[in-house]
């Protein structure tokens, strides 16, 4: 339960930083470090949302109140998907083929976690 509070707190702080960055700066004036901070805060925010969604799913489907370490790894892989889609969008390469490649990558990463951990 303690790590859930930490996760929610960091997700809210990341979301607040993300909103501030989107409202106060532009991509040309933020620089490379700002872009790194943007993607990091986006990942932290999405990781919190995906973790909460997984926790709600496990609670309603299996009546589990806590997540295992493997479930956090699943959430970490799933929360990387918006970053990859945003990266493909920045290269103007959003095609069905790109979406299929991202889905294949996510499937392989989730399968690797399933088999190894």
C-alpha atoms as a PDB file:
ATOM      1  CA  UNK A   1       0.000   0.000   0.000  1.00  0.00           C
ATOM      2  CA  UNK A   2       2.916   2.319   0.744  1.00  0.00           C
ATOM      3  CA  UNK A   3       4.330   2.076  -2.783  1.00  0.00           C
ATOM      4  CA  UNK A   4       0.879   2.883  -4.214  1.00  0.00           C
ATOM      5  CA  UNK A   5       0.893   6.234  -2.420  1.00  0.00           C
ATOM      6  CA  UNK A   6       4.367   6.955  -3.738  1.00  0.00           C
ATOM      7  CA  UNK A   7       3.281   5.989  -7.249  1.00  0.00           C
ATOM      8  CA  UNK A   8       0.173   8.171  -7.122  1.00  0.00           C
ATOM      9  CA  UNK A   9       2.156  11.099  -5.720  1.00  0.00           C
ATOM     10  CA  UNK A  10       4.855  10.904  -8.388  1.00  0.00           C
ATOM     11  CA  UNK A  11       2.214  10.540 -11.114  1.00  0.00           C
ATOM     12  CA  UNK A  12       0.394  13.652  -9.924  1.00  0.00           C
ATOM     13  CA  UNK A  13       3.649  15.612  -9.690  1.00  0.00           C
ATOM     14  CA  UNK A  14       4.630  14.403 -13.170  1.00  0.00           C
ATOM     15  CA  UNK A  15       1.239  15.356 -14.577  1.00  0.00           C
ATOM     16  CA  UNK A  16       1.468  18.812 -13.004  1.00  0.00           C
ATOM     17  CA  UNK A  17       4.968  19.302 -14.448  1.00  0.00           C
ATOM     18  CA  UNK A  18       3.737  18.108 -17.831  1.00  0.00           C
ATOM     19  CA  UNK A  19       0.831  20.544 -17.819  1.00  0.00           C
ATOM     20  CA  UNK A  20       3.129  23.392 -16.788  1.00  0.00           C
ATOM     21  CA  UNK A  21       5.601  22.537 -19.544  1.00  0.00           C
ATOM     22  CA  UNK A  22       2.866  22.406 -22.182  1.00  0.00           C
ATOM     23  CA  UNK A  23       1.412  25.747 -21.119  1.00  0.00           C
ATOM     24  CA  UNK A  24       4.562  27.753 -20.412  1.00  0.00           C
ATOM     25  CA  UNK A  25       7.070  26.692 -23.059  1.00  0.00           C
ATOM     26  CA  UNK A  26       7.366  25.772 -26.711  1.00  0.00           C
ATOM     27  CA  UNK A  27       9.463  22.978 -28.248  1.00  0.00           C
ATOM     28  CA  UNK A  28      11.897  25.429 -29.827  1.00  0.00           C
ATOM     29  CA  UNK A  29      12.764  27.209 -26.595  1.00  0.00           C
ATOM     30  CA  UNK A  30      12.835  24.242 -24.241  1.00  0.00           C
ATOM     31  CA  UNK A  31      15.983  22.548 -25.580  1.00  0.00           C
ATOM     32  CA  UNK A  32      17.146  18.939 -25.432  1.00  0.00           C
ATOM     33  CA  UNK A  33      17.038  18.653 -21.635  1.00  0.00           C
ATOM     34  CA  UNK A  34      13.480  19.963 -21.636  1.00  0.00           C
ATOM     35  CA  UNK A  35      12.470  17.370 -24.212  1.00  0.00           C
ATOM     36  CA  UNK A  36      14.006  14.669 -21.994  1.00  0.00           C
ATOM     37  CA  UNK A  37      12.079  16.028 -19.002  1.00  0.00           C
ATOM     38  CA  UNK A  38       8.890  16.103 -21.091  1.00  0.00           C
ATOM     39  CA  UNK A  39       9.170  12.450 -22.111  1.00  0.00           C
ATOM     40  CA  UNK A  40      10.137  11.407 -18.581  1.00  0.00           C
ATOM     41  CA  UNK A  41       7.161  13.170 -16.994  1.00  0.00           C
ATOM     42  CA  UNK A  42       4.884  11.760 -19.688  1.00  0.00           C
ATOM     43  CA  UNK A  43       6.147   8.248 -18.946  1.00  0.00           C
ATOM     44  CA  UNK A  44       5.755   8.675 -15.177  1.00  0.00           C
ATOM     45  CA  UNK A  45       2.205   9.992 -15.585  1.00  0.00           C
ATOM     46  CA  UNK A  46       1.153   7.217 -17.956  1.00  0.00           C
ATOM     47  CA  UNK A  47       2.813   4.612 -15.718  1.00  0.00           C
ATOM     48  CA  UNK A  48       0.683   5.793 -12.809  1.00  0.00           C
ATOM     49  CA  UNK A  49      -2.491   5.660 -14.887  1.00  0.00           C
ATOM     50  CA  UNK A  50      -1.736   2.199 -16.271  1.00  0.00           C
ATOM     51  CA  UNK A  51      -0.871   0.891 -12.812  1.00  0.00           C
ATOM     52  CA  UNK A  52      -4.135   2.222 -11.393  1.00  0.00           C
ATOM     53  CA  UNK A  53      -6.046   0.684 -14.301  1.00  0.00           C
ATOM     54  CA  UNK A  54      -4.341  -2.678 -13.749  1.00  0.00           C
ATOM     55  CA  UNK A  55      -5.059  -2.495 -10.042  1.00  0.00           C
ATOM     56  CA  UNK A  56      -8.740  -1.778 -10.722  1.00  0.00           C
ATOM     57  CA  UNK A  57      -8.869  -4.634 -13.234  1.00  0.00           C
ATOM     58  CA  UNK A  58      -7.314  -7.119 -10.812  1.00  0.00           C
ATOM     59  CA  UNK A  59      -9.595  -5.955  -8.034  1.00  0.00           C
ATOM     60  CA  UNK A  60     -12.785  -6.414 -10.064  1.00  0.00           C
ATOM     61  CA  UNK A  61     -11.698  -9.543 -11.952  1.00  0.00           C
ATOM     62  CA  UNK A  62      -9.779 -11.474  -9.312  1.00  0.00           C
ATOM     63  CA  UNK A  63     -10.588  -9.650  -6.034  1.00  0.00           C
ATOM     64  CA  UNK A  64      -6.872  -8.977  -5.491  1.00  0.00           C
ATOM     65  CA  UNK A  65      -6.011  -5.844  -3.507  1.00  0.00           C
ATOM     66  CA  UNK A  66      -2.284  -5.731  -4.237  1.00  0.00           C
ATOM     67  CA  UNK A  67      -0.158  -6.064  -7.326  1.00  0.00           C
ATOM     68  CA  UNK A  68       2.844  -8.364  -7.669  1.00  0.00           C
ATOM     69  CA  UNK A  69       6.216  -7.224  -8.941  1.00  0.00           C
ATOM     70  CA  UNK A  70       5.468  -8.849 -12.280  1.00  0.00           C
ATOM     71  CA  UNK A  71       2.320  -6.719 -12.630  1.00  0.00           C
ATOM     72  CA  UNK A  72       4.380  -3.546 -12.220  1.00  0.00           C
ATOM     73  CA  UNK A  73       6.671  -4.767 -15.007  1.00  0.00           C
ATOM     74  CA  UNK A  74       3.645  -5.322 -17.242  1.00  0.00           C
ATOM     75  CA  UNK A  75       2.506  -1.765 -16.466  1.00  0.00           C
ATOM     76  CA  UNK A  76       5.973  -0.393 -17.223  1.00  0.00           C
ATOM     77  CA  UNK A  77       5.954  -1.965 -20.686  1.00  0.00           C
ATOM     78  CA  UNK A  78       2.383  -0.888 -21.457  1.00  0.00           C
ATOM     79  CA  UNK A  79       3.075   2.682 -20.401  1.00  0.00           C
ATOM     80  CA  UNK A  80       5.889   2.925 -22.929  1.00  0.00           C
ATOM     81  CA  UNK A  81       3.410   2.591 -25.826  1.00  0.00           C
ATOM     82  CA  UNK A  82       2.329   6.280 -25.876  1.00  0.00           C
ATOM     83  CA  UNK A  83       5.984   7.321 -25.964  1.00  0.00           C
ATOM     84  CA  UNK A  84       6.584   5.142 -29.029  1.00  0.00           C
ATOM     85  CA  UNK A  85       3.438   6.439 -30.734  1.00  0.00           C
ATOM     86  CA  UNK A  86       4.446  10.035 -30.007  1.00  0.00           C
ATOM     87  CA  UNK A  87       7.912   9.334 -31.379  1.00  0.00           C
ATOM     88  CA  UNK A  88       6.446   7.870 -34.572  1.00  0.00           C
ATOM     89  CA  UNK A  89       4.127  10.868 -34.826  1.00  0.00           C
ATOM     90  CA  UNK A  90       7.077  13.264 -34.564  1.00  0.00           C
ATOM     91  CA  UNK A  91       8.626  11.554 -37.595  1.00  0.00           C
ATOM     92  CA  UNK A  92       5.266  11.669 -39.435  1.00  0.00           C
ATOM     93  CA  UNK A  93       5.358   7.897 -39.670  1.00  0.00           C
ATOM     94  CA  UNK A  94       2.003   6.893 -38.239  1.00  0.00           C
ATOM     95  CA  UNK A  95       0.849   4.128 -40.551  1.00  0.00           C
ATOM     96  CA  UNK A  96      -0.885   0.817 -39.896  1.00  0.00           C
ATOM     97  CA  UNK A  97       2.508  -0.838 -40.300  1.00  0.00           C
ATOM     98  CA  UNK A  98       3.979   1.341 -37.520  1.00  0.00           C
ATOM     99  CA  UNK A  99       1.087   0.563 -35.196  1.00  0.00           C
ATOM    100  CA  UNK A 100       1.529  -3.159 -35.919  1.00  0.00           C
ATOM    101  CA  UNK A 101       5.253  -2.946 -35.154  1.00  0.00           C
ATOM    102  CA  UNK A 102       4.565  -1.176 -31.859  1.00  0.00           C
ATOM    103  CA  UNK A 103       1.965  -3.811 -30.960  1.00  0.00           C
ATOM    104  CA  UNK A 104       4.417  -6.607 -31.838  1.00  0.00           C
ATOM    105  CA  UNK A 105       7.103  -4.988 -29.686  1.00  0.00           C
ATOM    106  CA  UNK A 106       4.695  -4.691 -26.753  1.00  0.00           C
ATOM    107  CA  UNK A 107       3.571  -8.288 -27.175  1.00  0.00           C
ATOM    108  CA  UNK A 108       7.154  -9.576 -27.279  1.00  0.00           C
ATOM    109  CA  UNK A 109       8.164  -7.544 -24.230  1.00  0.00           C
ATOM    110  CA  UNK A 110       5.127  -8.729 -22.254  1.00  0.00           C
ATOM    111  CA  UNK A 111       5.801 -12.315 -23.349  1.00  0.00           C
ATOM    112  CA  UNK A 112       9.424 -12.010 -22.249  1.00  0.00           C
ATOM    113  CA  UNK A 113       8.293 -10.839 -18.807  1.00  0.00           C
ATOM    114  CA  UNK A 114       5.795 -13.693 -18.630  1.00  0.00           C
ATOM    115  CA  UNK A 115       8.447 -16.290 -19.425  1.00  0.00           C
ATOM    116  CA  UNK A 116      11.445 -14.903 -17.548  1.00  0.00           C
ATOM    117  CA  UNK A 117      10.183 -13.340 -14.341  1.00  0.00           C
END
